[in-house]
Amino acid sequence: MISIGTDIVYIKRLEEKKFFEKIFHQSELRHNNSQKLAGIIAVKEACFKALGVSSRWLEIEVKYKKSGQPYLVFSNELKSKIEDYSCSISHDGEYAVAVVIFQLKE
């Protein structure tokens, strides 16, 4: 089965940093860039929507290839549901948007 999720984040929302440890892995916080962090939130939210699960922020880690393309590292529980996936993150002005397409295991 194919499942798609999308999300958009208002970048200025990230000025409140008190919740960061509940959402981001230490590797993600190294970016220390509001645009990049908003994109990470957007892609994680898109995943939750596509997988039909509640927000389990630390069960997905966003990493980047040398080319800048994002890829996702899932907890074992989430990984067991996923056959394959593709994701994209984009930024424009005050917003970050992400799309995820999953091929889910039957």
PDB file of N, CA and C in Angstrom:
ATOM      1  N   MET A   1       0.835  -1.175   0.000  1.00  0.00           N
ATOM      2  CA  MET A   1       0.000   0.000   0.000  1.00  0.00           C
ATOM      3  C   MET A   1       0.889   1.251   0.000  1.00  0.00           C
ATOM      4  N   ILE A   2       0.467   2.255  -0.721  1.00  0.00           N
ATOM      5  CA  ILE A   2       1.181   3.526  -0.768  1.00  0.00           C
ATOM      6  C   ILE A   2       0.456   4.518   0.139  1.00  0.00           C
ATOM      7  N   SER A   3       1.236   5.271   0.903  1.00  0.00           N
ATOM      8  CA  SER A   3       0.671   6.278   1.801  1.00  0.00           C
ATOM      9  C   SER A   3       1.494   7.557   1.680  1.00  0.00           C
ATOM     10  N   ILE A   4       0.811   8.689   1.654  1.00  0.00           N
ATOM     11  CA  ILE A   4       1.472   9.980   1.467  1.00  0.00           C
ATOM     12  C   ILE A   4       1.146  10.888   2.643  1.00  0.00           C
ATOM     13  N   GLY A   5       2.151  11.642   3.090  1.00  0.00           N
ATOM     14  CA  GLY A   5       1.941  12.642   4.135  1.00  0.00           C
ATOM     15  C   GLY A   5       2.617  13.938   3.749  1.00  0.00           C
ATOM     16  N   THR A   6       2.038  15.050   4.171  1.00  0.00           N
ATOM     17  CA  THR A   6       2.635  16.359   3.918  1.00  0.00           C
ATOM     18  C   THR A   6       2.421  17.243   5.140  1.00  0.00           C
ATOM     19  N   ASP A   7       3.302  18.201   5.346  1.00  0.00           N
ATOM     20  CA  ASP A   7       3.152  19.124   6.458  1.00  0.00           C
ATOM     21  C   ASP A   7       3.872  20.429   6.123  1.00  0.00           C
ATOM     22  N   ILE A   8       3.380  21.486   6.721  1.00  0.00           N
ATOM     23  CA  ILE A   8       3.992  22.808   6.564  1.00  0.00           C
ATOM     24  C   ILE A   8       4.191  23.395   7.955  1.00  0.00           C
ATOM     25  N   VAL A   9       5.329  24.068   8.162  1.00  0.00           N
ATOM     26  CA  VAL A   9       5.669  24.646   9.462  1.00  0.00           C
ATOM     27  C   VAL A   9       6.034  26.114   9.280  1.00  0.00           C
ATOM     28  N   TYR A  10       5.464  26.936  10.132  1.00  0.00           N
ATOM     29  CA  TYR A  10       5.811  28.352  10.189  1.00  0.00           C
ATOM     30  C   TYR A  10       7.131  28.459  10.951  1.00  0.00           C
ATOM     31  N   ILE A  11       8.182  28.910  10.282  1.00  0.00           N
ATOM     32  CA  ILE A  11       9.536  28.882  10.830  1.00  0.00           C
ATOM     33  C   ILE A  11       9.653  29.671  12.135  1.00  0.00           C
ATOM     34  N   LYS A  12       8.975  30.782  12.243  1.00  0.00           N
ATOM     35  CA  LYS A  12       9.076  31.599  13.462  1.00  0.00           C
ATOM     36  C   LYS A  12       8.542  30.878  14.694  1.00  0.00           C
ATOM     37  N   ARG A  13       7.771  29.816  14.469  1.00  0.00           N
ATOM     38  CA  ARG A  13       7.265  29.007  15.578  1.00  0.00           C
ATOM     39  C   ARG A  13       8.409  28.413  16.400  1.00  0.00           C
ATOM     40  N   LEU A  14       9.586  28.317  15.805  1.00  0.00           N
ATOM     41  CA  LEU A  14      10.730  27.683  16.466  1.00  0.00           C
ATOM     42  C   LEU A  14      11.474  28.606  17.411  1.00  0.00           C
ATOM     43  N   GLU A  15      10.987  29.820  17.600  1.00  0.00           N
ATOM     44  CA  GLU A  15      11.639  30.722  18.546  1.00  0.00           C
ATOM     45  C   GLU A  15      11.510  30.213  19.975  1.00  0.00           C
ATOM     46  N   GLU A  16      10.476  29.421  20.238  1.00  0.00           N
ATOM     47  CA  GLU A  16      10.265  28.806  21.547  1.00  0.00           C
ATOM     48  C   GLU A  16      11.046  27.496  21.572  1.00  0.00           C
ATOM     49  N   LYS A  17      12.189  27.467  22.252  1.00  0.00           N
ATOM     50  CA  LYS A  17      13.084  26.318  22.195  1.00  0.00           C
ATOM     51  C   LYS A  17      12.923  25.337  23.349  1.00  0.00           C
ATOM     52  N   LYS A  18      11.996  25.580  24.251  1.00  0.00           N
ATOM     53  CA  LYS A  18      11.907  24.731  25.441  1.00  0.00           C
ATOM     54  C   LYS A  18      11.475  23.299  25.139  1.00  0.00           C
ATOM     55  N   PHE A  19      10.848  23.061  24.007  1.00  0.00           N
ATOM     56  CA  PHE A  19      10.373  21.717  23.677  1.00  0.00           C
ATOM     57  C   PHE A  19      11.336  20.961  22.769  1.00  0.00           C
ATOM     58  N   PHE A  20      12.464  21.533  22.434  1.00  0.00           N
ATOM     59  CA  PHE A  20      13.377  20.946  21.450  1.00  0.00           C
ATOM     60  C   PHE A  20      13.837  19.538  21.823  1.00  0.00           C
ATOM     61  N   GLU A  21      14.148  19.287  23.092  1.00  0.00           N
ATOM     62  CA  GLU A  21      14.680  17.981  23.489  1.00  0.00           C
ATOM     63  C   GLU A  21      13.648  16.871  23.315  1.00  0.00           C
ATOM     64  N   LYS A  22      12.377  17.219  23.201  1.00  0.00           N
ATOM     65  CA  LYS A  22      11.331  16.221  22.998  1.00  0.00           C
ATOM     66  C   LYS A  22      11.110  15.921  21.515  1.00  0.00           C
ATOM     67  N   ILE A  23      11.621  16.773  20.651  1.00  0.00           N
ATOM     68  CA  ILE A  23      11.372  16.655  19.215  1.00  0.00           C
ATOM     69  C   ILE A  23      12.613  16.250  18.424  1.00  0.00           C
ATOM     70  N   PHE A  24      13.773  16.782  18.804  1.00  0.00           N
ATOM     71  CA  PHE A  24      14.977  16.618  17.993  1.00  0.00           C
ATOM     72  C   PHE A  24      16.005  15.697  18.636  1.00  0.00           C
ATOM     73  N   HIS A  25      16.679  14.909  17.789  1.00  0.00           N
ATOM     74  CA  HIS A  25      17.867  14.166  18.201  1.00  0.00           C
ATOM     75  C   HIS A  25      19.019  15.165  18.301  1.00  0.00           C
ATOM     76  N   GLN A  26      20.033  14.839  19.079  1.00  0.00           N
ATOM     77  CA  GLN A  26      21.199  15.721  19.197  1.00  0.00           C
ATOM     78  C   GLN A  26      21.824  16.003  17.833  1.00  0.00           C
ATOM     79  N   SER A  27      21.847  14.996  16.957  1.00  0.00           N
ATOM     80  CA  SER A  27      22.429  15.192  15.618  1.00  0.00           C
ATOM     81  C   SER A  27      21.630  16.225  14.828  1.00  0.00           C
ATOM     82  N   GLU A  28      20.325  16.290  15.036  1.00  0.00           N
ATOM     83  CA  GLU A  28      19.489  17.257  14.317  1.00  0.00           C
ATOM     84  C   GLU A  28      19.697  18.666  14.853  1.00  0.00           C
ATOM     85  N   LEU A  29      19.927  18.779  16.149  1.00  0.00           N
ATOM     86  CA  LEU A  29      20.126  20.097  16.775  1.00  0.00           C
ATOM     87  C   LEU A  29      21.440  20.746  16.362  1.00  0.00           C
ATOM     88  N   ARG A  30      22.358  19.961  15.839  1.00  0.00           N
ATOM     89  CA  ARG A  30      23.640  20.526  15.391  1.00  0.00           C
ATOM     90  C   ARG A  30      23.456  21.542  14.275  1.00  0.00           C
ATOM     91  N   HIS A  31      22.350  21.451  13.559  1.00  0.00           N
ATOM     92  CA  HIS A  31      22.101  22.389  12.460  1.00  0.00           C
ATOM     93  C   HIS A  31      21.889  23.801  12.988  1.00  0.00           C
ATOM     94  N   ASN A  32      21.257  23.943  14.159  1.00  0.00           N
ATOM     95  CA  ASN A  32      21.058  25.236  14.817  1.00  0.00           C
ATOM     96  C   ASN A  32      20.624  26.320  13.826  1.00  0.00           C
ATOM     97  N   ASN A  33      19.726  25.955  12.947  1.00  0.00           N
ATOM     98  CA  ASN A  33      19.229  26.844  11.904  1.00  0.00           C
ATOM     99  C   ASN A  33      17.717  26.674  11.875  1.00  0.00           C
ATOM    100  N   SER A  34      16.978  27.747  12.110  1.00  0.00           N
ATOM    101  CA  SER A  34      15.523  27.656  12.209  1.00  0.00           C
ATOM    102  C   SER A  34      14.887  27.063  10.957  1.00  0.00           C
ATOM    103  N   GLN A  35      15.398  27.412   9.786  1.00  0.00           N
ATOM    104  CA  GLN A  35      14.851  26.850   8.543  1.00  0.00           C
ATOM    105  C   GLN A  35      15.015  25.338   8.513  1.00  0.00           C
ATOM    106  N   LYS A  36      16.216  24.881   8.815  1.00  0.00           N
ATOM    107  CA  LYS A  36      16.521  23.446   8.785  1.00  0.00           C
ATOM    108  C   LYS A  36      15.690  22.702   9.824  1.00  0.00           C
ATOM    109  N   LEU A  37      15.589  23.260  11.035  1.00  0.00           N
ATOM    110  CA  LEU A  37      14.821  22.616  12.099  1.00  0.00           C
ATOM    111  C   LEU A  37      13.331  22.574  11.769  1.00  0.00           C
ATOM    112  N   ALA A  38      12.811  23.617  11.155  1.00  0.00           N
ATOM    113  CA  ALA A  38      11.400  23.625  10.738  1.00  0.00           C
ATOM    114  C   ALA A  38      11.158  22.541   9.694  1.00  0.00           C
ATOM    115  N   GLY A  39      12.105  22.343   8.792  1.00  0.00           N
ATOM    116  CA  GLY A  39      11.995  21.281   7.797  1.00  0.00           C
ATOM    117  C   GLY A  39      11.992  19.904   8.438  1.00  0.00           C
ATOM    118  N   ILE A  40      12.794  19.733   9.479  1.00  0.00           N
ATOM    119  CA  ILE A  40      12.841  18.459  10.196  1.00  0.00           C
ATOM    120  C   ILE A  40      11.497  18.184  10.870  1.00  0.00           C
ATOM    121  N   ILE A  41      10.924  19.201  11.513  1.00  0.00           N
ATOM    122  CA  ILE A  41       9.605  19.029  12.122  1.00  0.00           C
ATOM    123  C   ILE A  41       8.575  18.673  11.053  1.00  0.00           C
ATOM    124  N   ALA A  42       8.613  19.372   9.929  1.00  0.00           N
ATOM    125  CA  ALA A  42       7.646  19.132   8.860  1.00  0.00           C
ATOM    126  C   ALA A  42       7.740  17.708   8.322  1.00  0.00           C
ATOM    127  N   VAL A  43       8.942  17.204   8.108  1.00  0.00           N
ATOM    128  CA  VAL A  43       9.075  15.856   7.543  1.00  0.00           C
ATOM    129  C   VAL A  43       8.662  14.799   8.563  1.00  0.00           C
ATOM    130  N   LYS A  44       8.952  15.035   9.844  1.00  0.00           N
ATOM    131  CA  LYS A  44       8.508  14.083  10.864  1.00  0.00           C
ATOM    132  C   LYS A  44       6.977  14.069  10.949  1.00  0.00           C
ATOM    133  N   GLU A  45       6.356  15.244  10.944  1.00  0.00           N
ATOM    134  CA  GLU A  45       4.889  15.322  10.983  1.00  0.00           C
ATOM    135  C   GLU A  45       4.281  14.645   9.752  1.00  0.00           C
ATOM    136  N   ALA A  46       4.883  14.836   8.597  1.00  0.00           N
ATOM    137  CA  ALA A  46       4.398  14.182   7.379  1.00  0.00           C
ATOM    138  C   ALA A  46       4.468  12.664   7.537  1.00  0.00           C
ATOM    139  N   CYS A  47       5.519  12.177   8.167  1.00  0.00           N
ATOM    140  CA  CYS A  47       5.650  10.733   8.420  1.00  0.00           C
ATOM    141  C   CYS A  47       4.534  10.231   9.325  1.00  0.00           C
ATOM    142  N   PHE A  48       4.280  10.953  10.411  1.00  0.00           N
ATOM    143  CA  PHE A  48       3.238  10.530  11.344  1.00  0.00           C
ATOM    144  C   PHE A  48       1.884  10.449  10.639  1.00  0.00           C
ATOM    145  N   LYS A  49       1.611  11.423   9.799  1.00  0.00           N
ATOM    146  CA  LYS A  49       0.344  11.435   9.061  1.00  0.00           C
ATOM    147  C   LYS A  49       0.263  10.255   8.101  1.00  0.00           C
ATOM    148  N   ALA A  50       1.332  10.007   7.361  1.00  0.00           N
ATOM    149  CA  ALA A  50       1.322   8.921   6.378  1.00  0.00           C
ATOM    150  C   ALA A  50       1.263   7.546   7.042  1.00  0.00           C
ATOM    151  N   LEU A  51       1.888   7.422   8.210  1.00  0.00           N
ATOM    152  CA  LEU A  51       1.901   6.134   8.906  1.00  0.00           C
ATOM    153  C   LEU A  51       0.675   5.946   9.799  1.00  0.00           C
ATOM    154  N   GLY A  52      -0.051   7.027  10.049  1.00  0.00           N
ATOM    155  CA  GLY A  52      -1.225   6.942  10.904  1.00  0.00           C
ATOM    156  C   GLY A  52      -0.883   6.673  12.356  1.00  0.00           C
ATOM    157  N   VAL A  53       0.228   7.267  12.824  1.00  0.00           N
ATOM    158  CA  VAL A  53       0.651   7.090  14.216  1.00  0.00           C
ATOM    159  C   VAL A  53       0.692   8.447  14.911  1.00  0.00           C
ATOM    160  N   SER A  54       0.677   8.405  16.237  1.00  0.00           N
ATOM    161  CA  SER A  54       0.803   9.645  16.999  1.00  0.00           C
ATOM    162  C   SER A  54       2.227  10.175  16.878  1.00  0.00           C
ATOM    163  N   SER A  55       2.428  11.394  17.292  1.00  0.00           N
ATOM    164  CA  SER A  55       3.730  12.050  17.186  1.00  0.00           C
ATOM    165  C   SER A  55       4.740  11.422  18.139  1.00  0.00           C
ATOM    166  N   ARG A  56       5.545  10.546  17.599  1.00  0.00           N
ATOM    167  CA  ARG A  56       6.629   9.907  18.362  1.00  0.00           C
ATOM    168  C   ARG A  56       7.941  10.477  17.831  1.00  0.00           C
ATOM    169  N   TRP A  57       8.198  11.707  18.218  1.00  0.00           N
ATOM    170  CA  TRP A  57       9.258  12.518  17.624  1.00  0.00           C
ATOM    171  C   TRP A  57      10.618  11.833  17.553  1.00  0.00           C
ATOM    172  N   LEU A  58      11.023  11.176  18.618  1.00  0.00           N
ATOM    173  CA  LEU A  58      12.376  10.630  18.659  1.00  0.00           C
ATOM    174  C   LEU A  58      12.487   9.258  17.995  1.00  0.00           C
ATOM    175  N   GLU A  59      11.381   8.756  17.417  1.00  0.00           N
ATOM    176  CA  GLU A  59      11.431   7.491  16.691  1.00  0.00           C
ATOM    177  C   GLU A  59      11.796   7.687  15.222  1.00  0.00           C
ATOM    178  N   ILE A  60      11.994   8.946  14.840  1.00  0.00           N
ATOM    179  CA  ILE A  60      12.451   9.267  13.485  1.00  0.00           C
ATOM    180  C   ILE A  60      13.604  10.263  13.620  1.00  0.00           C
ATOM    181  N   GLU A  61      14.699   9.968  12.958  1.00  0.00           N
ATOM    182  CA  GLU A  61      15.839  10.885  12.934  1.00  0.00           C
ATOM    183  C   GLU A  61      16.077  11.294  11.488  1.00  0.00           C
ATOM    184  N   VAL A  62      16.241  12.593  11.272  1.00  0.00           N
ATOM    185  CA  VAL A  62      16.472  13.128   9.933  1.00  0.00           C
ATOM    186  C   VAL A  62      17.969  13.368   9.761  1.00  0.00           C
ATOM    187  N   LYS A  63      18.515  12.797   8.708  1.00  0.00           N
ATOM    188  CA  LYS A  63      19.928  12.984   8.375  1.00  0.00           C
ATOM    189  C   LYS A  63      19.996  13.471   6.929  1.00  0.00           C
ATOM    190  N   TYR A  64      21.187  13.863   6.508  1.00  0.00           N
ATOM    191  CA  TYR A  64      21.348  14.399   5.156  1.00  0.00           C
ATOM    192  C   TYR A  64      22.538  13.754   4.462  1.00  0.00           C
ATOM    193  N   LYS A  65      22.332  13.422   3.184  1.00  0.00           N
ATOM    194  CA  LYS A  65      23.420  12.933   2.357  1.00  0.00           C
ATOM    195  C   LYS A  65      24.327  14.108   2.004  1.00  0.00           C
ATOM    196  N   LYS A  66      25.497  13.840   1.487  1.00  0.00           N
ATOM    197  CA  LYS A  66      26.423  14.909   1.086  1.00  0.00           C
ATOM    198  C   LYS A  66      25.783  15.843   0.074  1.00  0.00           C
ATOM    199  N   SER A  67      24.871  15.323  -0.731  1.00  0.00           N
ATOM    200  CA  SER A  67      24.179  16.123  -1.739  1.00  0.00           C
ATOM    201  C   SER A  67      23.170  17.088  -1.114  1.00  0.00           C
ATOM    202  N   GLY A  68      22.869  16.892   0.182  1.00  0.00           N
ATOM    203  CA  GLY A  68      21.878  17.718   0.853  1.00  0.00           C
ATOM    204  C   GLY A  68      20.509  17.067   0.925  1.00  0.00           C
ATOM    205  N   GLN A  69      20.345  15.928   0.236  1.00  0.00           N
ATOM    206  CA  GLN A  69      19.065  15.215   0.239  1.00  0.00           C
ATOM    207  C   GLN A  69      18.830  14.598   1.616  1.00  0.00           C
ATOM    208  N   PRO A  70      17.631  14.814   2.181  1.00  0.00           N
ATOM    209  CA  PRO A  70      17.344  14.221   3.487  1.00  0.00           C
ATOM    210  C   PRO A  70      17.045  12.727   3.377  1.00  0.00           C
ATOM    211  N   TYR A  71      17.394  12.014   4.435  1.00  0.00           N
ATOM    212  CA  TYR A  71      16.947  10.628   4.560  1.00  0.00           C
ATOM    213  C   TYR A  71      16.571  10.400   6.013  1.00  0.00           C
ATOM    214  N   LEU A  72      15.797   9.353   6.252  1.00  0.00           N
ATOM    215  CA  LEU A  72      15.206   9.134   7.561  1.00  0.00           C
ATOM    216  C   LEU A  72      15.714   7.838   8.174  1.00  0.00           C
ATOM    217  N   VAL A  73      15.926   7.884   9.473  1.00  0.00           N
ATOM    218  CA  VAL A  73      16.283   6.694  10.239  1.00  0.00           C
ATOM    219  C   VAL A  73      15.130   6.460  11.206  1.00  0.00           C
ATOM    220  N   PHE A  74      14.524   5.257  11.130  1.00  0.00           N
ATOM    221  CA  PHE A  74      13.329   4.949  11.907  1.00  0.00           C
ATOM    222  C   PHE A  74      13.644   4.014  13.069  1.00  0.00           C
ATOM    223  N   SER A  75      12.822   4.103  14.114  1.00  0.00           N
ATOM    224  CA  SER A  75      12.890   3.121  15.195  1.00  0.00           C
ATOM    225  C   SER A  75      12.544   1.761  14.603  1.00  0.00           C
ATOM    226  N   ASN A  76      12.902   0.693  15.301  1.00  0.00           N
ATOM    227  CA  ASN A  76      12.601  -0.650  14.802  1.00  0.00           C
ATOM    228  C   ASN A  76      11.112  -0.854  14.603  1.00  0.00           C
ATOM    229  N   GLU A  77      10.297  -0.311  15.504  1.00  0.00           N
ATOM    230  CA  GLU A  77       8.845  -0.477  15.388  1.00  0.00           C
ATOM    231  C   GLU A  77       8.307   0.162  14.109  1.00  0.00           C
ATOM    232  N   LEU A  78       8.732   1.398  13.833  1.00  0.00           N
ATOM    233  CA  LEU A  78       8.263   2.064  12.616  1.00  0.00           C
ATOM    234  C   LEU A  78       8.853   1.405  11.374  1.00  0.00           C
ATOM    235  N   LYS A  79      10.131   1.026  11.448  1.00  0.00           N
ATOM    236  CA  LYS A  79      10.801   0.390  10.307  1.00  0.00           C
ATOM    237  C   LYS A  79      10.085  -0.891   9.892  1.00  0.00           C
ATOM    238  N   SER A  80       9.498  -1.587  10.853  1.00  0.00           N
ATOM    239  CA  SER A  80       8.824  -2.854  10.548  1.00  0.00           C
ATOM    240  C   SER A  80       7.573  -2.646   9.693  1.00  0.00           C
ATOM    241  N   LYS A  81       7.067  -1.419   9.594  1.00  0.00           N
ATOM    242  CA  LYS A  81       5.874  -1.111   8.805  1.00  0.00           C
ATOM    243  C   LYS A  81       6.199  -0.632   7.391  1.00  0.00           C
ATOM    244  N   ILE A  82       7.474  -0.298   7.135  1.00  0.00           N
ATOM    245  CA  ILE A  82       7.853   0.410   5.914  1.00  0.00           C
ATOM    246  C   ILE A  82       8.659  -0.482   4.975  1.00  0.00           C
ATOM    247  N   GLU A  83       8.193  -0.580   3.750  1.00  0.00           N
ATOM    248  CA  GLU A  83       8.925  -1.299   2.701  1.00  0.00           C
ATOM    249  C   GLU A  83       9.964  -0.365   2.077  1.00  0.00           C
ATOM    250  N   ASP A  84       9.528   0.843   1.712  1.00  0.00           N
ATOM    251  CA  ASP A  84      10.400   1.837   1.084  1.00  0.00           C
ATOM    252  C   ASP A  84       9.766   3.211   1.275  1.00  0.00           C
ATOM    253  N   TYR A  85      10.536   4.263   1.053  1.00  0.00           N
ATOM    254  CA  TYR A  85       9.997   5.615   1.204  1.00  0.00           C
ATOM    255  C   TYR A  85      10.802   6.607   0.369  1.00  0.00           C
ATOM    256  N   SER A  86      10.224   7.765   0.199  1.00  0.00           N
ATOM    257  CA  SER A  86      10.900   8.904  -0.406  1.00  0.00           C
ATOM    258  C   SER A  86      10.415  10.145   0.325  1.00  0.00           C
ATOM    259  N   CYS A  87      11.318  11.094   0.554  1.00  0.00           N
ATOM    260  CA  CYS A  87      10.902  12.321   1.237  1.00  0.00           C
ATOM    261  C   CYS A  87      11.585  13.531   0.617  1.00  0.00           C
ATOM    262  N   SER A  88      10.948  14.679   0.819  1.00  0.00           N
ATOM    263  CA  SER A  88      11.481  15.938   0.314  1.00  0.00           C
ATOM    264  C   SER A  88      11.131  17.046   1.299  1.00  0.00           C
ATOM    265  N   ILE A  89      12.073  17.949   1.509  1.00  0.00           N
ATOM    266  CA  ILE A  89      11.882  19.113   2.373  1.00  0.00           C
ATOM    267  C   ILE A  89      12.205  20.349   1.546  1.00  0.00           C
ATOM    268  N   SER A  90      11.379  21.387   1.682  1.00  0.00           N
ATOM    269  CA  SER A  90      11.625  22.633   0.966  1.00  0.00           C
ATOM    270  C   SER A  90      11.321  23.814   1.881  1.00  0.00           C
ATOM    271  N   HIS A  91      11.957  24.927   1.602  1.00  0.00           N
ATOM    272  CA  HIS A  91      11.776  26.149   2.385  1.00  0.00           C
ATOM    273  C   HIS A  91      11.471  27.308   1.443  1.00  0.00           C
ATOM    274  N   ASP A  92      10.587  28.199   1.886  1.00  0.00           N
ATOM    275  CA  ASP A  92      10.299  29.410   1.127  1.00  0.00           C
ATOM    276  C   ASP A  92       9.839  30.479   2.106  1.00  0.00           C
ATOM    277  N   GLY A  93      10.587  31.542   2.183  1.00  0.00           N
ATOM    278  CA  GLY A  93      10.222  32.636   3.075  1.00  0.00           C
ATOM    279  C   GLY A  93      10.116  32.171   4.510  1.00  0.00           C
ATOM    280  N   GLU A  94       8.929  32.284   5.086  1.00  0.00           N
ATOM    281  CA  GLU A  94       8.725  31.976   6.495  1.00  0.00           C
ATOM    282  C   GLU A  94       8.206  30.561   6.725  1.00  0.00           C
ATOM    283  N   TYR A  95       8.236  29.707   5.692  1.00  0.00           N
ATOM    284  CA  TYR A  95       7.650  28.375   5.804  1.00  0.00           C
ATOM    285  C   TYR A  95       8.605  27.281   5.342  1.00  0.00           C
ATOM    286  N   ALA A  96       8.454  26.118   5.977  1.00  0.00           N
ATOM    287  CA  ALA A  96       9.122  24.901   5.532  1.00  0.00           C
ATOM    288  C   ALA A  96       8.018  23.882   5.258  1.00  0.00           C
ATOM    289  N   VAL A  97       8.168  23.114   4.211  1.00  0.00           N
ATOM    290  CA  VAL A  97       7.171  22.114   3.845  1.00  0.00           C
ATOM    291  C   VAL A  97       7.888  20.797   3.557  1.00  0.00           C
ATOM    292  N   ALA A  98       7.195  19.692   3.838  1.00  0.00           N
ATOM    293  CA  ALA A  98       7.772  18.383   3.575  1.00  0.00           C
ATOM    294  C   ALA A  98       6.701  17.440   3.049  1.00  0.00           C
ATOM    295  N   VAL A  99       7.149  16.507   2.220  1.00  0.00           N
ATOM    296  CA  VAL A  99       6.292  15.467   1.673  1.00  0.00           C
ATOM    297  C   VAL A  99       7.015  14.139   1.852  1.00  0.00           C
ATOM    298  N   VAL A 100       6.243  13.124   2.245  1.00  0.00           N
ATOM    299  CA  VAL A 100       6.788  11.768   2.402  1.00  0.00           C
ATOM    300  C   VAL A 100       5.849  10.797   1.682  1.00  0.00           C
ATOM    301  N   ILE A 101       6.440   9.883   0.938  1.00  0.00           N
ATOM    302  CA  ILE A 101       5.663   8.820   0.302  1.00  0.00           C
ATOM    303  C   ILE A 101       6.218   7.503   0.802  1.00  0.00           C
ATOM    304  N   PHE A 102       5.332   6.670   1.353  1.00  0.00           N
ATOM    305  CA  PHE A 102       5.722   5.363   1.875  1.00  0.00           C
ATOM    306  C   PHE A 102       5.127   4.254   1.030  1.00  0.00           C
ATOM    307  N   GLN A 103       5.916   3.219   0.810  1.00  0.00           N
ATOM    308  CA  GLN A 103       5.415   1.930   0.371  1.00  0.00           C
ATOM    309  C   GLN A 103       5.383   1.108   1.649  1.00  0.00           C
ATOM    310  N   LEU A 104       4.177   0.860   2.161  1.00  0.00           N
ATOM    311  CA  LEU A 104       4.034   0.149   3.427  1.00  0.00           C
ATOM    312  C   LEU A 104       3.996  -1.357   3.191  1.00  0.00           C
ATOM    313  N   LYS A 105       4.476  -2.104   4.178  1.00  0.00           N
ATOM    314  CA  LYS A 105       4.426  -3.555   4.101  1.00  0.00           C
ATOM    315  C   LYS A 105       2.985  -4.009   4.232  1.00  0.00           C
ATOM    316  N   GLU A 106       2.640  -5.023   3.508  1.00  0.00           N
ATOM    317  CA  GLU A 106       1.263  -5.563   3.548  1.00  0.00           C
ATOM    318  C   GLU A 106       1.045  -6.403   4.767  1.00  0.00           C
TER     319      GLU A 106
END
